[in-house]
PDB file of N, CA and C in Angstrom:
ATOM      1  N   GLU A   1     -30.985 -18.705  38.160  1.00  0.00           N
ATOM      2  CA  GLU A   1     -30.056 -19.547  37.428  1.00  0.00           C
ATOM      3  C   GLU A   1     -29.729 -18.951  36.056  1.00  0.00           C
ATOM      4  N   GLU A   2     -30.708 -18.317  35.420  1.00  0.00           N
ATOM      5  CA  GLU A   2     -30.466 -17.689  34.124  1.00  0.00           C
ATOM      6  C   GLU A   2     -29.402 -16.609  34.240  1.00  0.00           C
ATOM      7  N   GLY A   3     -29.444 -15.827  35.311  1.00  0.00           N
ATOM      8  CA  GLY A   3     -28.464 -14.764  35.521  1.00  0.00           C
ATOM      9  C   GLY A   3     -27.061 -15.325  35.661  1.00  0.00           C
ATOM     10  N   ALA A   4     -26.931 -16.440  36.362  1.00  0.00           N
ATOM     11  CA  ALA A   4     -25.620 -17.071  36.539  1.00  0.00           C
ATOM     12  C   ALA A   4     -25.099 -17.589  35.208  1.00  0.00           C
ATOM     13  N   GLN A   5     -25.990 -18.146  34.385  1.00  0.00           N
ATOM     14  CA  GLN A   5     -25.589 -18.674  33.082  1.00  0.00           C
ATOM     15  C   GLN A   5     -25.117 -17.538  32.171  1.00  0.00           C
ATOM     16  N   CYS A   6     -25.827 -16.430  32.182  1.00  0.00           N
ATOM     17  CA  CYS A   6     -25.465 -15.272  31.373  1.00  0.00           C
ATOM     18  C   CYS A   6     -24.125 -14.711  31.832  1.00  0.00           C
ATOM     19  N   SER A   7     -23.922 -14.680  33.151  1.00  0.00           N
ATOM     20  CA  SER A   7     -22.676 -14.174  33.712  1.00  0.00           C
ATOM     21  C   SER A   7     -21.497 -15.037  33.275  1.00  0.00           C
ATOM     22  N   ASN A   8     -21.695 -16.359  33.272  1.00  0.00           N
ATOM     23  CA  ASN A   8     -20.635 -17.269  32.833  1.00  0.00           C
ATOM     24  C   ASN A   8     -20.313 -17.066  31.355  1.00  0.00           C
ATOM     25  N   THR A   9     -21.329 -16.837  30.538  1.00  0.00           N
ATOM     26  CA  THR A   9     -21.126 -16.608  29.111  1.00  0.00           C
ATOM     27  C   THR A   9     -20.313 -15.345  28.887  1.00  0.00           C
ATOM     28  N   ASP A  10     -20.637 -14.292  29.612  1.00  0.00           N
ATOM     29  CA  ASP A  10     -19.880 -13.046  29.509  1.00  0.00           C
ATOM     30  C   ASP A  10     -18.430 -13.257  29.943  1.00  0.00           C
ATOM     31  N   LYS A  11     -18.258 -14.018  31.032  1.00  0.00           N
ATOM     32  CA  LYS A  11     -16.912 -14.291  31.536  1.00  0.00           C
ATOM     33  C   LYS A  11     -16.118 -15.096  30.511  1.00  0.00           C
ATOM     34  N   ASP A  12     -16.767 -16.101  29.900  1.00  0.00           N
ATOM     35  CA  ASP A  12     -16.104 -16.915  28.878  1.00  0.00           C
ATOM     36  C   ASP A  12     -15.692 -16.065  27.681  1.00  0.00           C
ATOM     37  N   ALA A  13     -16.566 -15.156  27.267  1.00  0.00           N
ATOM     38  CA  ALA A  13     -16.266 -14.281  26.132  1.00  0.00           C
ATOM     39  C   ALA A  13     -15.086 -13.375  26.454  1.00  0.00           C
ATOM     40  N   ASP A  14     -15.069 -12.833  27.671  1.00  0.00           N
ATOM     41  CA  ASP A  14     -13.948 -11.980  28.089  1.00  0.00           C
ATOM     42  C   ASP A  14     -12.641 -12.767  28.120  1.00  0.00           C
ATOM     43  N   THR A  15     -12.707 -13.990  28.642  1.00  0.00           N
ATOM     44  CA  THR A  15     -11.516 -14.836  28.718  1.00  0.00           C
ATOM     45  C   THR A  15     -10.995 -15.154  27.324  1.00  0.00           C
ATOM     46  N   LEU A  16     -11.898 -15.505  26.413  1.00  0.00           N
ATOM     47  CA  LEU A  16     -11.504 -15.816  25.044  1.00  0.00           C
ATOM     48  C   LEU A  16     -10.877 -14.604  24.368  1.00  0.00           C
ATOM     49  N   GLU A  17     -11.490 -13.454  24.560  1.00  0.00           N
ATOM     50  CA  GLU A  17     -10.969 -12.222  23.964  1.00  0.00           C
ATOM     51  C   GLU A  17      -9.560 -11.919  24.479  1.00  0.00           C
ATOM     52  N   LYS A  18      -9.359 -12.068  25.778  1.00  0.00           N
ATOM     53  CA  LYS A  18      -8.039 -11.815  26.365  1.00  0.00           C
ATOM     54  C   LYS A  18      -7.007 -12.827  25.859  1.00  0.00           C
ATOM     55  N   THR A  19      -7.417 -14.080  25.735  1.00  0.00           N
ATOM     56  CA  THR A  19      -6.516 -15.121  25.241  1.00  0.00           C
ATOM     57  C   THR A  19      -6.083 -14.831  23.815  1.00  0.00           C
ATOM     58  N   LEU A  20      -7.037 -14.473  22.963  1.00  0.00           N
ATOM     59  CA  LEU A  20      -6.713 -14.153  21.574  1.00  0.00           C
ATOM     60  C   LEU A  20      -5.803 -12.938  21.480  1.00  0.00           C
ATOM     61  N   GLU A  21      -6.042 -11.980  22.362  1.00  0.00           N
ATOM     62  CA  GLU A  21      -5.199 -10.784  22.386  1.00  0.00           C
ATOM     63  C   GLU A  21      -3.769 -11.156  22.768  1.00  0.00           C
ATOM     64  N   LEU A  22      -3.618 -12.034  23.757  1.00  0.00           N
ATOM     65  CA  LEU A  22      -2.286 -12.461  24.187  1.00  0.00           C
ATOM     66  C   LEU A  22      -1.580 -13.273  23.108  1.00  0.00           C
ATOM     67  N   LEU A  23      -2.329 -14.111  22.429  1.00  0.00           N
ATOM     68  CA  LEU A  23      -1.738 -14.933  21.374  1.00  0.00           C
ATOM     69  C   LEU A  23      -1.375 -14.112  20.146  1.00  0.00           C
ATOM     70  N   SER A  24      -2.090 -13.022  19.936  1.00  0.00           N
ATOM     71  CA  SER A  24      -1.889 -12.171  18.761  1.00  0.00           C
ATOM     72  C   SER A  24      -1.808 -13.014  17.499  1.00  0.00           C
ATOM     73  N   ILE A  25      -2.856 -13.770  17.254  1.00  0.00           N
ATOM     74  CA  ILE A  25      -2.900 -14.669  16.104  1.00  0.00           C
ATOM     75  C   ILE A  25      -2.586 -13.930  14.814  1.00  0.00           C
ATOM     76  N   ARG A  26      -2.976 -12.672  14.746  1.00  0.00           N
ATOM     77  CA  ARG A  26      -2.728 -11.912  13.523  1.00  0.00           C
ATOM     78  C   ARG A  26      -1.244 -11.727  13.245  1.00  0.00           C
ATOM     79  N   GLU A  27      -0.414 -11.928  14.242  1.00  0.00           N
ATOM     80  CA  GLU A  27       1.019 -11.702  14.086  1.00  0.00           C
ATOM     81  C   GLU A  27       1.784 -12.978  13.755  1.00  0.00           C
ATOM     82  N   ILE A  28       1.146 -14.124  13.797  1.00  0.00           N
ATOM     83  CA  ILE A  28       1.833 -15.384  13.561  1.00  0.00           C
ATOM     84  C   ILE A  28       1.835 -15.679  12.065  1.00  0.00           C
ATOM     85  N   PRO A  29       3.027 -15.717  11.417  1.00  0.00           N
ATOM     86  CA  PRO A  29       3.072 -16.033   9.987  1.00  0.00           C
ATOM     87  C   PRO A  29       2.486 -17.417   9.732  1.00  0.00           C
ATOM     88  N   GLY A  30       1.749 -17.544   8.666  1.00  0.00           N
ATOM     89  CA  GLY A  30       1.134 -18.817   8.335  1.00  0.00           C
ATOM     90  C   GLY A  30      -0.296 -18.916   8.812  1.00  0.00           C
ATOM     91  N   ILE A  31      -0.665 -18.137   9.810  1.00  0.00           N
ATOM     92  CA  ILE A  31      -2.038 -18.137  10.298  1.00  0.00           C
ATOM     93  C   ILE A  31      -2.751 -16.890   9.803  1.00  0.00           C
ATOM     94  N   SER A  32      -2.079 -15.793   9.857  1.00  0.00           N
ATOM     95  CA  SER A  32      -2.664 -14.526   9.433  1.00  0.00           C
ATOM     96  C   SER A  32      -2.756 -14.469   7.920  1.00  0.00           C
ATOM     97  N   MET A  33      -3.764 -13.793   7.427  1.00  0.00           N
ATOM     98  CA  MET A  33      -3.918 -13.613   5.993  1.00  0.00           C
ATOM     99  C   MET A  33      -3.601 -12.178   5.586  1.00  0.00           C
ATOM    100  N   GLU A  34      -3.068 -11.393   6.508  1.00  0.00           N
ATOM    101  CA  GLU A  34      -2.763  -9.991   6.226  1.00  0.00           C
ATOM    102  C   GLU A  34      -1.854  -9.842   5.015  1.00  0.00           C
ATOM    103  N   HIS A  35      -0.885 -10.732   4.897  1.00  0.00           N
ATOM    104  CA  HIS A  35       0.067 -10.635   3.793  1.00  0.00           C
ATOM    105  C   HIS A  35      -0.578 -10.940   2.443  1.00  0.00           C
ATOM    106  N   MET A  36      -1.778 -11.500   2.463  1.00  0.00           N
ATOM    107  CA  MET A  36      -2.480 -11.850   1.230  1.00  0.00           C
ATOM    108  C   MET A  36      -3.396 -10.736   0.734  1.00  0.00           C
ATOM    109  N   LYS A  37      -3.571  -9.701   1.529  1.00  0.00           N
ATOM    110  CA  LYS A  37      -4.480  -8.626   1.129  1.00  0.00           C
ATOM    111  C   LYS A  37      -3.952  -7.900  -0.094  1.00  0.00           C
ATOM    112  N   ILE A  38      -4.848  -7.650  -1.045  1.00  0.00           N
ATOM    113  CA  ILE A  38      -4.508  -6.904  -2.256  1.00  0.00           C
ATOM    114  C   ILE A  38      -5.449  -5.711  -2.315  1.00  0.00           C
ATOM    115  N   PRO A  39      -4.914  -4.510  -2.413  1.00  0.00           N
ATOM    116  CA  PRO A  39      -5.779  -3.325  -2.466  1.00  0.00           C
ATOM    117  C   PRO A  39      -6.739  -3.380  -3.659  1.00  0.00           C
ATOM    118  N   LEU A  40      -7.941  -2.883  -3.452  1.00  0.00           N
ATOM    119  CA  LEU A  40      -8.959  -2.881  -4.502  1.00  0.00           C
ATOM    120  C   LEU A  40      -8.471  -2.155  -5.745  1.00  0.00           C
ATOM    121  N   THR A  41      -7.723  -1.084  -5.569  1.00  0.00           N
ATOM    122  CA  THR A  41      -7.217  -0.349  -6.742  1.00  0.00           C
ATOM    123  C   THR A  41      -6.315  -1.242  -7.593  1.00  0.00           C
ATOM    124  N   ASP A  42      -5.502  -2.080  -6.952  1.00  0.00           N
ATOM    125  CA  ASP A  42      -4.639  -3.012  -7.688  1.00  0.00           C
ATOM    126  C   ASP A  42      -5.463  -4.081  -8.401  1.00  0.00           C
ATOM    127  N   ILE A  43      -6.516  -4.554  -7.741  1.00  0.00           N
ATOM    128  CA  ILE A  43      -7.386  -5.562  -8.352  1.00  0.00           C
ATOM    129  C   ILE A  43      -8.082  -4.986  -9.575  1.00  0.00           C
ATOM    130  N   LYS A  44      -8.576  -3.763  -9.451  1.00  0.00           N
ATOM    131  CA  LYS A  44      -9.246  -3.127 -10.588  1.00  0.00           C
ATOM    132  C   LYS A  44      -8.286  -2.931 -11.757  1.00  0.00           C
ATOM    133  N   LEU A  45      -7.050  -2.557 -11.464  1.00  0.00           N
ATOM    134  CA  LEU A  45      -6.055  -2.406 -12.529  1.00  0.00           C
ATOM    135  C   LEU A  45      -5.755  -3.746 -13.199  1.00  0.00           C
ATOM    136  N   ALA A  46      -5.589  -4.784 -12.395  1.00  0.00           N
ATOM    137  CA  ALA A  46      -5.232  -6.103 -12.925  1.00  0.00           C
ATOM    138  C   ALA A  46      -6.366  -6.760 -13.705  1.00  0.00           C
ATOM    139  N   THR A  47      -7.601  -6.354 -13.441  1.00  0.00           N
ATOM    140  CA  THR A  47      -8.755  -6.936 -14.140  1.00  0.00           C
ATOM    141  C   THR A  47      -9.409  -5.949 -15.094  1.00  0.00           C
ATOM    142  N   ALA A  48      -8.754  -4.831 -15.342  1.00  0.00           N
ATOM    143  CA  ALA A  48      -9.320  -3.763 -16.192  1.00  0.00           C
ATOM    144  C   ALA A  48     -10.732  -3.422 -15.722  1.00  0.00           C
ATOM    145  N   ASN A  49     -10.823  -3.151 -14.414  1.00  0.00           N
ATOM    146  CA  ASN A  49     -12.095  -2.806 -13.766  1.00  0.00           C
ATOM    147  C   ASN A  49     -13.138  -3.914 -13.949  1.00  0.00           C
ATOM    148  N   PHE A  50     -12.709  -5.147 -13.701  1.00  0.00           N
ATOM    149  CA  PHE A  50     -13.561  -6.333 -13.787  1.00  0.00           C
ATOM    150  C   PHE A  50     -14.134  -6.525 -15.194  1.00  0.00           C
ATOM    151  N   SER A  51     -13.263  -6.394 -16.169  1.00  0.00           N
ATOM    152  CA  SER A  51     -13.635  -6.542 -17.575  1.00  0.00           C
ATOM    153  C   SER A  51     -13.971  -8.002 -17.902  1.00  0.00           C
ATOM    154  N   GLU A  52     -14.844  -8.181 -18.875  1.00  0.00           N
ATOM    155  CA  GLU A  52     -15.210  -9.522 -19.340  1.00  0.00           C
ATOM    156  C   GLU A  52     -13.981 -10.281 -19.849  1.00  0.00           C
ATOM    157  N   ALA A  53     -12.994  -9.571 -20.358  1.00  0.00           N
ATOM    158  CA  ALA A  53     -11.786 -10.207 -20.885  1.00  0.00           C
ATOM    159  C   ALA A  53     -11.034 -10.989 -19.801  1.00  0.00           C
ATOM    160  N   TYR A  54     -11.198 -10.603 -18.542  1.00  0.00           N
ATOM    161  CA  TYR A  54     -10.510 -11.258 -17.438  1.00  0.00           C
ATOM    162  C   TYR A  54     -11.414 -12.215 -16.665  1.00  0.00           C
ATOM    163  N   ARG A  55     -12.683 -12.280 -17.041  1.00  0.00           N
ATOM    164  CA  ARG A  55     -13.624 -13.149 -16.325  1.00  0.00           C
ATOM    165  C   ARG A  55     -13.383 -14.599 -16.715  1.00  0.00           C
ATOM    166  N   ILE A  56     -13.254 -15.444 -15.717  1.00  0.00           N
ATOM    167  CA  ILE A  56     -13.030 -16.869 -15.937  1.00  0.00           C
ATOM    168  C   ILE A  56     -14.367 -17.591 -16.020  1.00  0.00           C
ATOM    169  N   ARG A  57     -15.192 -17.351 -15.041  1.00  0.00           N
ATOM    170  CA  ARG A  57     -16.529 -17.951 -14.997  1.00  0.00           C
ATOM    171  C   ARG A  57     -17.354 -17.190 -13.984  1.00  0.00           C
ATOM    172  N   GLY A  58     -18.615 -17.527 -13.907  1.00  0.00           N
ATOM    173  CA  GLY A  58     -19.461 -16.826 -12.957  1.00  0.00           C
ATOM    174  C   GLY A  58     -20.799 -17.502 -12.779  1.00  0.00           C
ATOM    175  N   SER A  59     -21.546 -16.965 -11.856  1.00  0.00           N
ATOM    176  CA  SER A  59     -22.904 -17.426 -11.586  1.00  0.00           C
ATOM    177  C   SER A  59     -23.737 -16.186 -11.307  1.00  0.00           C
ATOM    178  N   THR A  60     -24.927 -16.389 -10.826  1.00  0.00           N
ATOM    179  CA  THR A  60     -25.769 -15.239 -10.490  1.00  0.00           C
ATOM    180  C   THR A  60     -25.320 -14.585  -9.188  1.00  0.00           C
ATOM    181  N   VAL A  61     -24.462 -15.262  -8.434  1.00  0.00           N
ATOM    182  CA  VAL A  61     -24.014 -14.752  -7.139  1.00  0.00           C
ATOM    183  C   VAL A  61     -22.566 -14.256  -7.187  1.00  0.00           C
ATOM    184  N   TYR A  62     -21.677 -14.993  -7.855  1.00  0.00           N
ATOM    185  CA  TYR A  62     -20.253 -14.669  -7.887  1.00  0.00           C
ATOM    186  C   TYR A  62     -19.731 -14.611  -9.316  1.00  0.00           C
ATOM    187  N   GLN A  63     -18.679 -13.813  -9.500  1.00  0.00           N
ATOM    188  CA  GLN A  63     -17.912 -13.786 -10.743  1.00  0.00           C
ATOM    189  C   GLN A  63     -16.454 -14.045 -10.361  1.00  0.00           C
ATOM    190  N   PHE A  64     -15.743 -14.788 -11.191  1.00  0.00           N
ATOM    191  CA  PHE A  64     -14.338 -15.084 -10.947  1.00  0.00           C
ATOM    192  C   PHE A  64     -13.497 -14.470 -12.051  1.00  0.00           C
ATOM    193  N   TYR A  65     -12.420 -13.801 -11.653  1.00  0.00           N
ATOM    194  CA  TYR A  65     -11.545 -13.110 -12.594  1.00  0.00           C
ATOM    195  C   TYR A  65     -10.106 -13.565 -12.390  1.00  0.00           C
ATOM    196  N   LYS A  66      -9.362 -13.628 -13.487  1.00  0.00           N
ATOM    197  CA  LYS A  66      -7.933 -13.927 -13.421  1.00  0.00           C
ATOM    198  C   LYS A  66      -7.189 -12.596 -13.371  1.00  0.00           C
ATOM    199  N   ALA A  67      -6.281 -12.477 -12.418  1.00  0.00           N
ATOM    200  CA  ALA A  67      -5.521 -11.235 -12.266  1.00  0.00           C
ATOM    201  C   ALA A  67      -4.051 -11.567 -12.045  1.00  0.00           C
ATOM    202  N   GLU A  68      -3.183 -10.797 -12.681  1.00  0.00           N
ATOM    203  CA  GLU A  68      -1.744 -10.974 -12.508  1.00  0.00           C
ATOM    204  C   GLU A  68      -1.168  -9.744 -11.821  1.00  0.00           C
ATOM    205  N   PHE A  69      -0.337 -10.005 -10.808  1.00  0.00           N
ATOM    206  CA  PHE A  69       0.254  -8.936 -10.013  1.00  0.00           C
ATOM    207  C   PHE A  69       1.759  -9.101  -9.974  1.00  0.00           C
ATOM    208  N   GLU A  70       2.468  -7.988  -9.864  1.00  0.00           N
ATOM    209  CA  GLU A  70       3.903  -8.039  -9.628  1.00  0.00           C
ATOM    210  C   GLU A  70       4.119  -8.049  -8.124  1.00  0.00           C
ATOM    211  N   HIS A  71       4.965  -8.954  -7.679  1.00  0.00           N
ATOM    212  CA  HIS A  71       5.206  -9.143  -6.257  1.00  0.00           C
ATOM    213  C   HIS A  71       6.697  -8.990  -5.986  1.00  0.00           C
ATOM    214  N   PHE A  72       7.029  -8.261  -4.950  1.00  0.00           N
ATOM    215  CA  PHE A  72       8.427  -8.092  -4.562  1.00  0.00           C
ATOM    216  C   PHE A  72       8.704  -8.929  -3.325  1.00  0.00           C
ATOM    217  N   ASP A  73       9.663  -9.851  -3.452  1.00  0.00           N
ATOM    218  CA  ASP A  73      10.078 -10.657  -2.308  1.00  0.00           C
ATOM    219  C   ASP A  73      11.009  -9.841  -1.430  1.00  0.00           C
ATOM    220  N   GLU A  74      11.281 -10.372  -0.257  1.00  0.00           N
ATOM    221  CA  GLU A  74      12.214  -9.698   0.638  1.00  0.00           C
ATOM    222  C   GLU A  74      13.598  -9.661   0.000  1.00  0.00           C
ATOM    223  N   GLU A  75      14.435  -8.792   0.532  1.00  0.00           N
ATOM    224  CA  GLU A  75      15.784  -8.651  -0.019  1.00  0.00           C
ATOM    225  C   GLU A  75      16.559  -9.961   0.069  1.00  0.00           C
ATOM    226  N   LEU A  76      17.316 -10.234  -0.964  1.00  0.00           N
ATOM    227  CA  LEU A  76      18.198 -11.395  -0.953  1.00  0.00           C
ATOM    228  C   LEU A  76      19.526 -11.000  -0.311  1.00  0.00           C
ATOM    229  N   PRO A  77      20.095 -11.867   0.504  1.00  0.00           N
ATOM    230  CA  PRO A  77      21.331 -11.513   1.194  1.00  0.00           C
ATOM    231  C   PRO A  77      22.508 -11.235   0.254  1.00  0.00           C
ATOM    232  N   LEU A  78      22.594 -11.900  -0.885  1.00  0.00           N
ATOM    233  CA  LEU A  78      23.746 -11.729  -1.775  1.00  0.00           C
ATOM    234  C   LEU A  78      23.690 -10.427  -2.565  1.00  0.00           C
ATOM    235  N   SER A  79      22.550 -10.131  -3.149  1.00  0.00           N
ATOM    236  CA  SER A  79      22.466  -8.937  -3.993  1.00  0.00           C
ATOM    237  C   SER A  79      21.986  -7.714  -3.229  1.00  0.00           C
ATOM    238  N   GLY A  80      21.246  -7.938  -2.160  1.00  0.00           N
ATOM    239  CA  GLY A  80      20.698  -6.820  -1.397  1.00  0.00           C
ATOM    240  C   GLY A  80      19.521  -6.154  -2.073  1.00  0.00           C
ATOM    241  N   LYS A  81      19.084  -6.699  -3.204  1.00  0.00           N
ATOM    242  CA  LYS A  81      17.959  -6.117  -3.933  1.00  0.00           C
ATOM    243  C   LYS A  81      16.740  -7.030  -3.821  1.00  0.00           C
ATOM    244  N   PRO A  82      15.560  -6.439  -3.780  1.00  0.00           N
ATOM    245  CA  PRO A  82      14.366  -7.286  -3.756  1.00  0.00           C
ATOM    246  C   PRO A  82      14.169  -7.954  -5.113  1.00  0.00           C
ATOM    247  N   THR A  83      13.686  -9.181  -5.082  1.00  0.00           N
ATOM    248  CA  THR A  83      13.390  -9.871  -6.334  1.00  0.00           C
ATOM    249  C   THR A  83      11.938  -9.619  -6.708  1.00  0.00           C
ATOM    250  N   LYS A  84      11.702  -9.471  -7.984  1.00  0.00           N
ATOM    251  CA  LYS A  84      10.353  -9.193  -8.468  1.00  0.00           C
ATOM    252  C   LYS A  84       9.870 -10.407  -9.250  1.00  0.00           C
ATOM    253  N   ARG A  85       8.640 -10.813  -8.986  1.00  0.00           N
ATOM    254  CA  ARG A  85       8.061 -11.910  -9.746  1.00  0.00           C
ATOM    255  C   ARG A  85       6.591 -11.632  -9.980  1.00  0.00           C
ATOM    256  N   GLN A  86       6.053 -12.300 -10.963  1.00  0.00           N
ATOM    257  CA  GLN A  86       4.648 -12.110 -11.291  1.00  0.00           C
ATOM    258  C   GLN A  86       3.851 -13.259 -10.685  1.00  0.00           C
ATOM    259  N   ILE A  87       2.758 -12.923 -10.030  1.00  0.00           N
ATOM    260  CA  ILE A  87       1.891 -13.943  -9.451  1.00  0.00           C
ATOM    261  C   ILE A  87       0.499 -13.808 -10.051  1.00  0.00           C
ATOM    262  N   THR A  88      -0.157 -14.936 -10.222  1.00  0.00           N
ATOM    263  CA  THR A  88      -1.516 -14.959 -10.755  1.00  0.00           C
ATOM    264  C   THR A  88      -2.461 -15.345  -9.633  1.00  0.00           C
ATOM    265  N   ARG A  89      -3.542 -14.621  -9.514  1.00  0.00           N
ATOM    266  CA  ARG A  89      -4.560 -14.884  -8.495  1.00  0.00           C
ATOM    267  C   ARG A  89      -5.935 -14.921  -9.147  1.00  0.00           C
ATOM    268  N   VAL A  90      -6.812 -15.694  -8.560  1.00  0.00           N
ATOM    269  CA  VAL A  90      -8.214 -15.689  -8.965  1.00  0.00           C
ATOM    270  C   VAL A  90      -8.948 -14.796  -7.981  1.00  0.00           C
ATOM    271  N   ILE A  91      -9.679 -13.851  -8.516  1.00  0.00           N
ATOM    272  CA  ILE A  91     -10.431 -12.904  -7.699  1.00  0.00           C
ATOM    273  C   ILE A  91     -11.898 -13.304  -7.742  1.00  0.00           C
ATOM    274  N   LYS A  92     -12.485 -13.475  -6.571  1.00  0.00           N
ATOM    275  CA  LYS A  92     -13.905 -13.816  -6.466  1.00  0.00           C
ATOM    276  C   LYS A  92     -14.656 -12.545  -6.112  1.00  0.00           C
ATOM    277  N   ARG A  93     -15.588 -12.174  -6.964  1.00  0.00           N
ATOM    278  CA  ARG A  93     -16.347 -10.935  -6.751  1.00  0.00           C
ATOM    279  C   ARG A  93     -17.831 -11.258  -6.608  1.00  0.00           C
ATOM    280  N   ILE A  94     -18.451 -10.693  -5.596  1.00  0.00           N
ATOM    281  CA  ILE A  94     -19.892 -10.852  -5.413  1.00  0.00           C
ATOM    282  C   ILE A  94     -20.584  -9.987  -6.451  1.00  0.00           C
ATOM    283  N   VAL A  95     -21.548 -10.562  -7.146  1.00  0.00           N
ATOM    284  CA  VAL A  95     -22.280  -9.820  -8.175  1.00  0.00           C
ATOM    285  C   VAL A  95     -23.089  -8.719  -7.502  1.00  0.00           C
ATOM    286  N   PRO A  96     -22.887  -7.470  -7.970  1.00  0.00           N
ATOM    287  CA  PRO A  96     -23.615  -6.357  -7.336  1.00  0.00           C
ATOM    288  C   PRO A  96     -25.108  -6.400  -7.627  1.00  0.00           C
TER     289      PRO A  96
END
């Protein structure tokens, strides 16, 4: 009976994996967080390499930093040029 239970678990895992692959959750806007990724080099620049001047608060486990980034929106139909705006993000860093 243990072998049958293990076999069912493997089958369930395979089914789930195939379902997720078919759904391609990473491709659905609003569910994926890919568009939110900020390269570490940009974070270091925006926080002056995690300078105290940008630190908001912290604990023994995490430090929080305020960072401002320039963001380019998609092209506007009228001007054909991307719009640029500044966004502020809080960066949570695990204390090394």
